[in-house]
Amino acid sequence: QVRLVESGGGLVQAGGSLRLSCATSGIIFNILTMGWYRQAPGKQRELVAHITSLDITNYRDSVKGRFTISRDNAKKTVYLQMNSLKPEDTAVYYCNVAPSLPQWGQGTQVTVSS
């Protein structure tokens, strides 16, 4: 059974930082490309960053230079370090395989105040 548990969100002022974590189970984590996604109110879910099994990373343009995705295969956990946060980063953040599986976790809310 696939389980994805996100944590680390919160309320932060613009310019601040947060580190998100996603603990996984039920997947062969170390061979999969993992991604962080986000969904803002009234918008579609979008892929923010992904990391391959070889630690190759890719980011959407709006977060390049500010966000860093990483993984710990031993812990089956993927992280998202978010710096220089902006109000437009406000969203619920989810992790999943990239491309995504049908199952999703509960997500973690990130709110950036101006």
N, C-alpha and C. Protein backbone atom coordinates (compact mmCIF):
# COMPACT_ATOMS: atom_id res chain seq x y z
N GLN A 1 0.85 -1.19 0.00
CA GLN A 1 0.00 0.00 0.00
C GLN A 1 0.89 1.25 0.00
N VAL A 2 0.63 2.11 -0.98
CA VAL A 2 1.41 3.35 -1.10
C VAL A 2 0.99 4.32 -0.01
N ARG A 3 1.97 4.89 0.67
CA ARG A 3 1.69 5.90 1.68
C ARG A 3 2.69 7.04 1.51
N LEU A 4 2.16 8.26 1.46
CA LEU A 4 2.96 9.47 1.29
C LEU A 4 2.54 10.43 2.39
N VAL A 5 3.48 10.81 3.25
CA VAL A 5 3.15 11.66 4.40
C VAL A 5 4.03 12.90 4.39
N GLU A 6 3.42 14.03 4.05
CA GLU A 6 4.13 15.30 3.97
C GLU A 6 4.07 16.03 5.31
N SER A 7 5.12 16.78 5.59
CA SER A 7 5.16 17.59 6.81
C SER A 7 6.11 18.76 6.62
N GLY A 8 6.06 19.71 7.55
CA GLY A 8 6.99 20.82 7.53
C GLY A 8 6.43 22.15 7.06
N GLY A 9 5.19 22.16 6.63
CA GLY A 9 4.60 23.40 6.18
C GLY A 9 4.31 24.34 7.34
N GLY A 10 3.85 25.53 7.01
CA GLY A 10 3.52 26.50 8.04
C GLY A 10 3.31 27.88 7.46
N LEU A 11 3.22 28.84 8.36
CA LEU A 11 3.05 30.24 8.00
C LEU A 11 4.39 30.95 8.15
N VAL A 12 4.80 31.63 7.10
CA VAL A 12 6.10 32.30 7.13
C VAL A 12 5.97 33.63 6.39
N GLN A 13 6.78 34.58 6.79
CA GLN A 13 6.78 35.87 6.09
C GLN A 13 7.56 35.77 4.79
N ALA A 14 7.26 36.64 3.88
CA ALA A 14 8.00 36.69 2.62
C ALA A 14 9.49 36.84 2.91
N GLY A 15 10.28 36.07 2.17
CA GLY A 15 11.72 36.05 2.39
C GLY A 15 12.19 34.97 3.34
N GLY A 16 11.25 34.34 4.00
CA GLY A 16 11.58 33.29 4.94
C GLY A 16 11.84 31.94 4.28
N SER A 17 12.07 30.94 5.13
CA SER A 17 12.41 29.60 4.65
C SER A 17 11.58 28.54 5.36
N LEU A 18 11.38 27.44 4.66
CA LEU A 18 10.76 26.25 5.23
C LEU A 18 11.42 25.03 4.61
N ARG A 19 11.41 23.94 5.36
CA ARG A 19 11.91 22.66 4.82
C ARG A 19 10.80 21.64 4.95
N LEU A 20 10.36 21.15 3.81
CA LEU A 20 9.32 20.13 3.77
C LEU A 20 9.95 18.74 3.72
N SER A 21 9.26 17.79 4.32
CA SER A 21 9.68 16.39 4.29
C SER A 21 8.52 15.54 3.82
N CYS A 22 8.86 14.44 3.18
CA CYS A 22 7.83 13.49 2.74
C CYS A 22 8.35 12.08 2.99
N ALA A 23 7.74 11.41 3.95
CA ALA A 23 8.09 10.03 4.25
C ALA A 23 7.21 9.12 3.40
N THR A 24 7.84 8.13 2.78
CA THR A 24 7.10 7.24 1.89
C THR A 24 7.19 5.80 2.35
N SER A 25 6.22 5.01 1.93
CA SER A 25 6.25 3.57 2.12
C SER A 25 5.41 2.94 1.02
N GLY A 26 5.67 1.66 0.77
CA GLY A 26 4.89 0.95 -0.25
C GLY A 26 5.36 1.18 -1.67
N ILE A 27 6.50 1.86 -1.84
CA ILE A 27 7.08 2.06 -3.17
C ILE A 27 8.55 1.69 -3.12
N ILE A 28 9.10 1.34 -4.30
CA ILE A 28 10.53 1.03 -4.37
C ILE A 28 11.25 2.35 -4.55
N PHE A 29 11.39 3.05 -3.44
CA PHE A 29 11.78 4.46 -3.44
C PHE A 29 13.07 4.70 -4.20
N ASN A 30 14.09 3.89 -3.99
CA ASN A 30 15.42 4.23 -4.47
C ASN A 30 15.56 4.20 -5.99
N ILE A 31 14.61 3.61 -6.70
CA ILE A 31 14.71 3.55 -8.16
C ILE A 31 13.77 4.53 -8.85
N LEU A 32 13.00 5.26 -8.06
CA LEU A 32 11.97 6.12 -8.61
C LEU A 32 12.37 7.59 -8.63
N THR A 33 11.88 8.31 -9.64
CA THR A 33 11.98 9.76 -9.64
C THR A 33 10.88 10.31 -8.74
N MET A 34 11.27 11.16 -7.81
CA MET A 34 10.31 11.72 -6.86
C MET A 34 10.12 13.21 -7.14
N GLY A 35 8.91 13.66 -6.91
CA GLY A 35 8.61 15.05 -7.17
C GLY A 35 7.87 15.71 -6.03
N TRP A 36 8.00 17.02 -5.98
CA TRP A 36 7.17 17.87 -5.12
C TRP A 36 6.21 18.64 -6.03
N TYR A 37 4.96 18.63 -5.65
CA TYR A 37 3.91 19.30 -6.39
C TYR A 37 3.25 20.31 -5.45
N ARG A 38 2.53 21.25 -6.03
CA ARG A 38 1.77 22.18 -5.20
C ARG A 38 0.47 22.55 -5.90
N GLN A 39 -0.51 22.90 -5.08
CA GLN A 39 -1.80 23.33 -5.61
C GLN A 39 -2.26 24.54 -4.83
N ALA A 40 -2.34 25.66 -5.53
CA ALA A 40 -2.84 26.89 -4.93
C ALA A 40 -4.35 26.94 -5.10
N PRO A 41 -5.04 27.71 -4.26
CA PRO A 41 -6.51 27.79 -4.36
C PRO A 41 -6.95 28.20 -5.76
N GLY A 42 -7.87 27.44 -6.32
CA GLY A 42 -8.42 27.76 -7.63
C GLY A 42 -7.51 27.43 -8.79
N LYS A 43 -6.40 26.77 -8.52
CA LYS A 43 -5.46 26.44 -9.59
C LYS A 43 -5.22 24.95 -9.66
N GLN A 44 -4.69 24.51 -10.79
CA GLN A 44 -4.38 23.09 -10.94
C GLN A 44 -3.08 22.76 -10.20
N ARG A 45 -2.97 21.52 -9.83
CA ARG A 45 -1.75 21.04 -9.20
C ARG A 45 -0.61 21.10 -10.21
N GLU A 46 0.56 21.55 -9.77
CA GLU A 46 1.69 21.66 -10.67
C GLU A 46 2.93 21.03 -10.04
N LEU A 47 3.80 20.54 -10.92
CA LEU A 47 5.05 19.95 -10.47
C LEU A 47 6.04 21.07 -10.21
N VAL A 48 6.60 21.09 -9.01
CA VAL A 48 7.54 22.14 -8.62
C VAL A 48 8.98 21.73 -8.88
N ALA A 49 9.30 20.50 -8.52
CA ALA A 49 10.68 20.02 -8.65
C ALA A 49 10.65 18.50 -8.66
N HIS A 50 11.65 17.91 -9.29
CA HIS A 50 11.78 16.47 -9.18
C HIS A 50 13.24 16.08 -9.10
N ILE A 51 13.46 14.88 -8.59
CA ILE A 51 14.81 14.35 -8.43
C ILE A 51 14.81 12.90 -8.86
N THR A 52 15.74 12.55 -9.71
CA THR A 52 15.80 11.18 -10.21
C THR A 52 16.54 10.28 -9.23
N SER A 53 16.58 9.00 -9.57
CA SER A 53 17.29 8.03 -8.73
C SER A 53 18.79 8.31 -8.74
N LEU A 54 19.27 9.05 -9.73
CA LEU A 54 20.69 9.41 -9.82
C LEU A 54 20.94 10.81 -9.29
N ASP A 55 19.94 11.35 -8.56
CA ASP A 55 20.06 12.67 -7.95
C ASP A 55 20.15 13.81 -8.97
N ILE A 56 19.63 13.59 -10.14
CA ILE A 56 19.51 14.68 -11.12
C ILE A 56 18.23 15.43 -10.79
N THR A 57 18.35 16.74 -10.69
CA THR A 57 17.21 17.56 -10.27
C THR A 57 16.73 18.47 -11.37
N ASN A 58 15.47 18.85 -11.27
CA ASN A 58 14.90 19.80 -12.22
C ASN A 58 13.84 20.62 -11.50
N TYR A 59 13.73 21.90 -11.86
CA TYR A 59 12.83 22.80 -11.16
C TYR A 59 12.02 23.61 -12.16
N ARG A 60 10.81 23.97 -11.77
CA ARG A 60 10.08 24.90 -12.62
C ARG A 60 10.73 26.26 -12.47
N ASP A 61 10.62 27.08 -13.51
CA ASP A 61 11.36 28.33 -13.56
C ASP A 61 11.10 29.23 -12.36
N SER A 62 9.89 29.25 -11.88
CA SER A 62 9.51 30.19 -10.81
C SER A 62 10.20 29.91 -9.48
N VAL A 63 10.77 28.71 -9.32
CA VAL A 63 11.41 28.37 -8.05
C VAL A 63 12.91 28.14 -8.18
N LYS A 64 13.42 28.19 -9.39
CA LYS A 64 14.85 27.96 -9.60
C LYS A 64 15.68 28.96 -8.79
N GLY A 65 16.71 28.43 -8.14
CA GLY A 65 17.57 29.28 -7.32
C GLY A 65 17.05 29.52 -5.93
N ARG A 66 15.80 29.14 -5.66
CA ARG A 66 15.22 29.34 -4.33
C ARG A 66 14.90 28.02 -3.63
N PHE A 67 14.50 27.02 -4.38
CA PHE A 67 14.11 25.72 -3.82
C PHE A 67 15.18 24.69 -4.15
N THR A 68 15.36 23.74 -3.23
CA THR A 68 16.28 22.63 -3.45
C THR A 68 15.61 21.33 -3.03
N ILE A 69 15.53 20.39 -3.96
CA ILE A 69 14.98 19.08 -3.67
C ILE A 69 16.12 18.12 -3.38
N SER A 70 15.90 17.22 -2.43
CA SER A 70 16.91 16.21 -2.10
C SER A 70 16.20 14.96 -1.62
N ARG A 71 16.95 13.89 -1.50
CA ARG A 71 16.35 12.62 -1.09
C ARG A 71 17.30 11.85 -0.20
N ASP A 72 16.72 11.02 0.65
CA ASP A 72 17.48 10.09 1.49
C ASP A 72 16.91 8.71 1.22
N ASN A 73 17.61 7.92 0.43
CA ASN A 73 17.08 6.60 0.05
C ASN A 73 16.96 5.67 1.25
N ALA A 74 17.87 5.78 2.20
CA ALA A 74 17.80 4.91 3.38
C ALA A 74 16.54 5.17 4.20
N LYS A 75 16.10 6.42 4.23
CA LYS A 75 14.90 6.78 4.98
C LYS A 75 13.66 6.83 4.09
N LYS A 76 13.84 6.61 2.80
CA LYS A 76 12.71 6.67 1.85
C LYS A 76 11.98 8.01 2.00
N THR A 77 12.74 9.05 2.08
CA THR A 77 12.19 10.38 2.33
C THR A 77 12.74 11.36 1.31
N VAL A 78 11.87 12.26 0.87
CA VAL A 78 12.28 13.32 -0.04
C VAL A 78 12.01 14.66 0.65
N TYR A 79 12.90 15.62 0.40
CA TYR A 79 12.84 16.92 1.06
C TYR A 79 12.72 18.04 0.04
N LEU A 80 12.20 19.16 0.52
CA LEU A 80 12.18 20.38 -0.30
C LEU A 80 12.56 21.54 0.60
N GLN A 81 13.76 22.06 0.38
CA GLN A 81 14.20 23.25 1.08
C GLN A 81 13.74 24.46 0.29
N MET A 82 12.98 25.32 0.93
CA MET A 82 12.41 26.49 0.25
C MET A 82 12.94 27.75 0.92
N ASN A 83 13.68 28.52 0.17
CA ASN A 83 14.23 29.79 0.66
C ASN A 83 13.64 30.95 -0.12
N SER A 84 13.82 32.14 0.43
CA SER A 84 13.33 33.36 -0.23
C SER A 84 11.88 33.20 -0.67
N LEU A 85 11.07 32.72 0.22
CA LEU A 85 9.68 32.44 -0.12
C LEU A 85 8.92 33.71 -0.49
N LYS A 86 7.99 33.55 -1.42
CA LYS A 86 7.17 34.64 -1.92
C LYS A 86 5.70 34.33 -1.66
N PRO A 87 4.85 35.34 -1.59
CA PRO A 87 3.41 35.06 -1.40
C PRO A 87 2.85 34.13 -2.46
N GLU A 88 3.36 34.19 -3.68
CA GLU A 88 2.85 33.32 -4.74
C GLU A 88 3.26 31.86 -4.56
N ASP A 89 4.11 31.57 -3.57
CA ASP A 89 4.43 30.18 -3.24
C ASP A 89 3.37 29.54 -2.34
N THR A 90 2.42 30.34 -1.86
CA THR A 90 1.37 29.82 -1.00
C THR A 90 0.56 28.75 -1.72
N ALA A 91 0.49 27.57 -1.10
CA ALA A 91 -0.20 26.43 -1.71
C ALA A 91 -0.14 25.26 -0.74
N VAL A 92 -0.87 24.22 -1.07
CA VAL A 92 -0.68 22.93 -0.41
C VAL A 92 0.36 22.17 -1.21
N TYR A 93 1.38 21.68 -0.54
CA TYR A 93 2.48 20.98 -1.17
C TYR A 93 2.35 19.48 -0.94
N TYR A 94 2.56 18.73 -2.02
CA TYR A 94 2.45 17.28 -2.00
C TYR A 94 3.72 16.67 -2.59
N CYS A 95 4.04 15.47 -2.14
CA CYS A 95 5.08 14.72 -2.84
C CYS A 95 4.42 13.53 -3.52
N ASN A 96 5.06 13.04 -4.55
CA ASN A 96 4.59 11.87 -5.27
C ASN A 96 5.70 11.42 -6.19
N VAL A 97 5.53 10.29 -6.78
CA VAL A 97 6.40 9.85 -7.85
C VAL A 97 6.17 10.80 -9.03
N ALA A 98 7.18 10.92 -9.91
CA ALA A 98 7.02 11.74 -11.10
C ALA A 98 7.28 10.86 -12.32
N PRO A 99 6.32 10.69 -13.21
CA PRO A 99 4.92 11.14 -13.16
C PRO A 99 4.18 10.53 -11.97
N SER A 100 3.13 11.21 -11.55
CA SER A 100 2.50 10.86 -10.29
C SER A 100 1.69 9.57 -10.35
N LEU A 101 1.62 8.93 -9.19
CA LEU A 101 0.72 7.80 -8.97
C LEU A 101 -0.67 8.35 -8.67
N PRO A 102 -1.69 7.49 -8.76
CA PRO A 102 -3.04 7.97 -8.43
C PRO A 102 -3.20 8.36 -6.95
N GLN A 103 -2.41 7.70 -6.08
CA GLN A 103 -2.55 7.98 -4.66
C GLN A 103 -1.80 9.25 -4.28
N TRP A 104 -2.42 10.04 -3.42
CA TRP A 104 -1.82 11.26 -2.91
C TRP A 104 -1.91 11.29 -1.39
N GLY A 105 -0.97 11.96 -0.78
CA GLY A 105 -1.04 12.18 0.65
C GLY A 105 -1.96 13.34 0.99
N GLN A 106 -1.92 13.74 2.24
CA GLN A 106 -2.79 14.84 2.67
C GLN A 106 -2.20 16.20 2.34
N GLY A 107 -0.92 16.23 2.02
CA GLY A 107 -0.27 17.49 1.71
C GLY A 107 0.08 18.27 2.96
N THR A 108 0.84 19.34 2.77
CA THR A 108 1.20 20.23 3.87
C THR A 108 1.03 21.67 3.39
N GLN A 109 0.34 22.46 4.18
CA GLN A 109 0.00 23.83 3.79
C GLN A 109 1.19 24.76 4.01
N VAL A 110 1.52 25.50 2.98
CA VAL A 110 2.54 26.56 3.06
C VAL A 110 1.84 27.88 2.79
N THR A 111 1.95 28.80 3.73
CA THR A 111 1.35 30.12 3.58
C THR A 111 2.44 31.17 3.76
N VAL A 112 2.61 32.01 2.75
CA VAL A 112 3.63 33.05 2.80
C VAL A 112 2.92 34.40 2.84
N SER A 113 3.15 35.13 3.90
CA SER A 113 2.51 36.43 4.04
C SER A 113 3.42 37.53 3.51
N SER A 114 2.80 38.56 2.98
CA SER A 114 3.59 39.66 2.40
C SER A 114 3.93 40.71 3.45
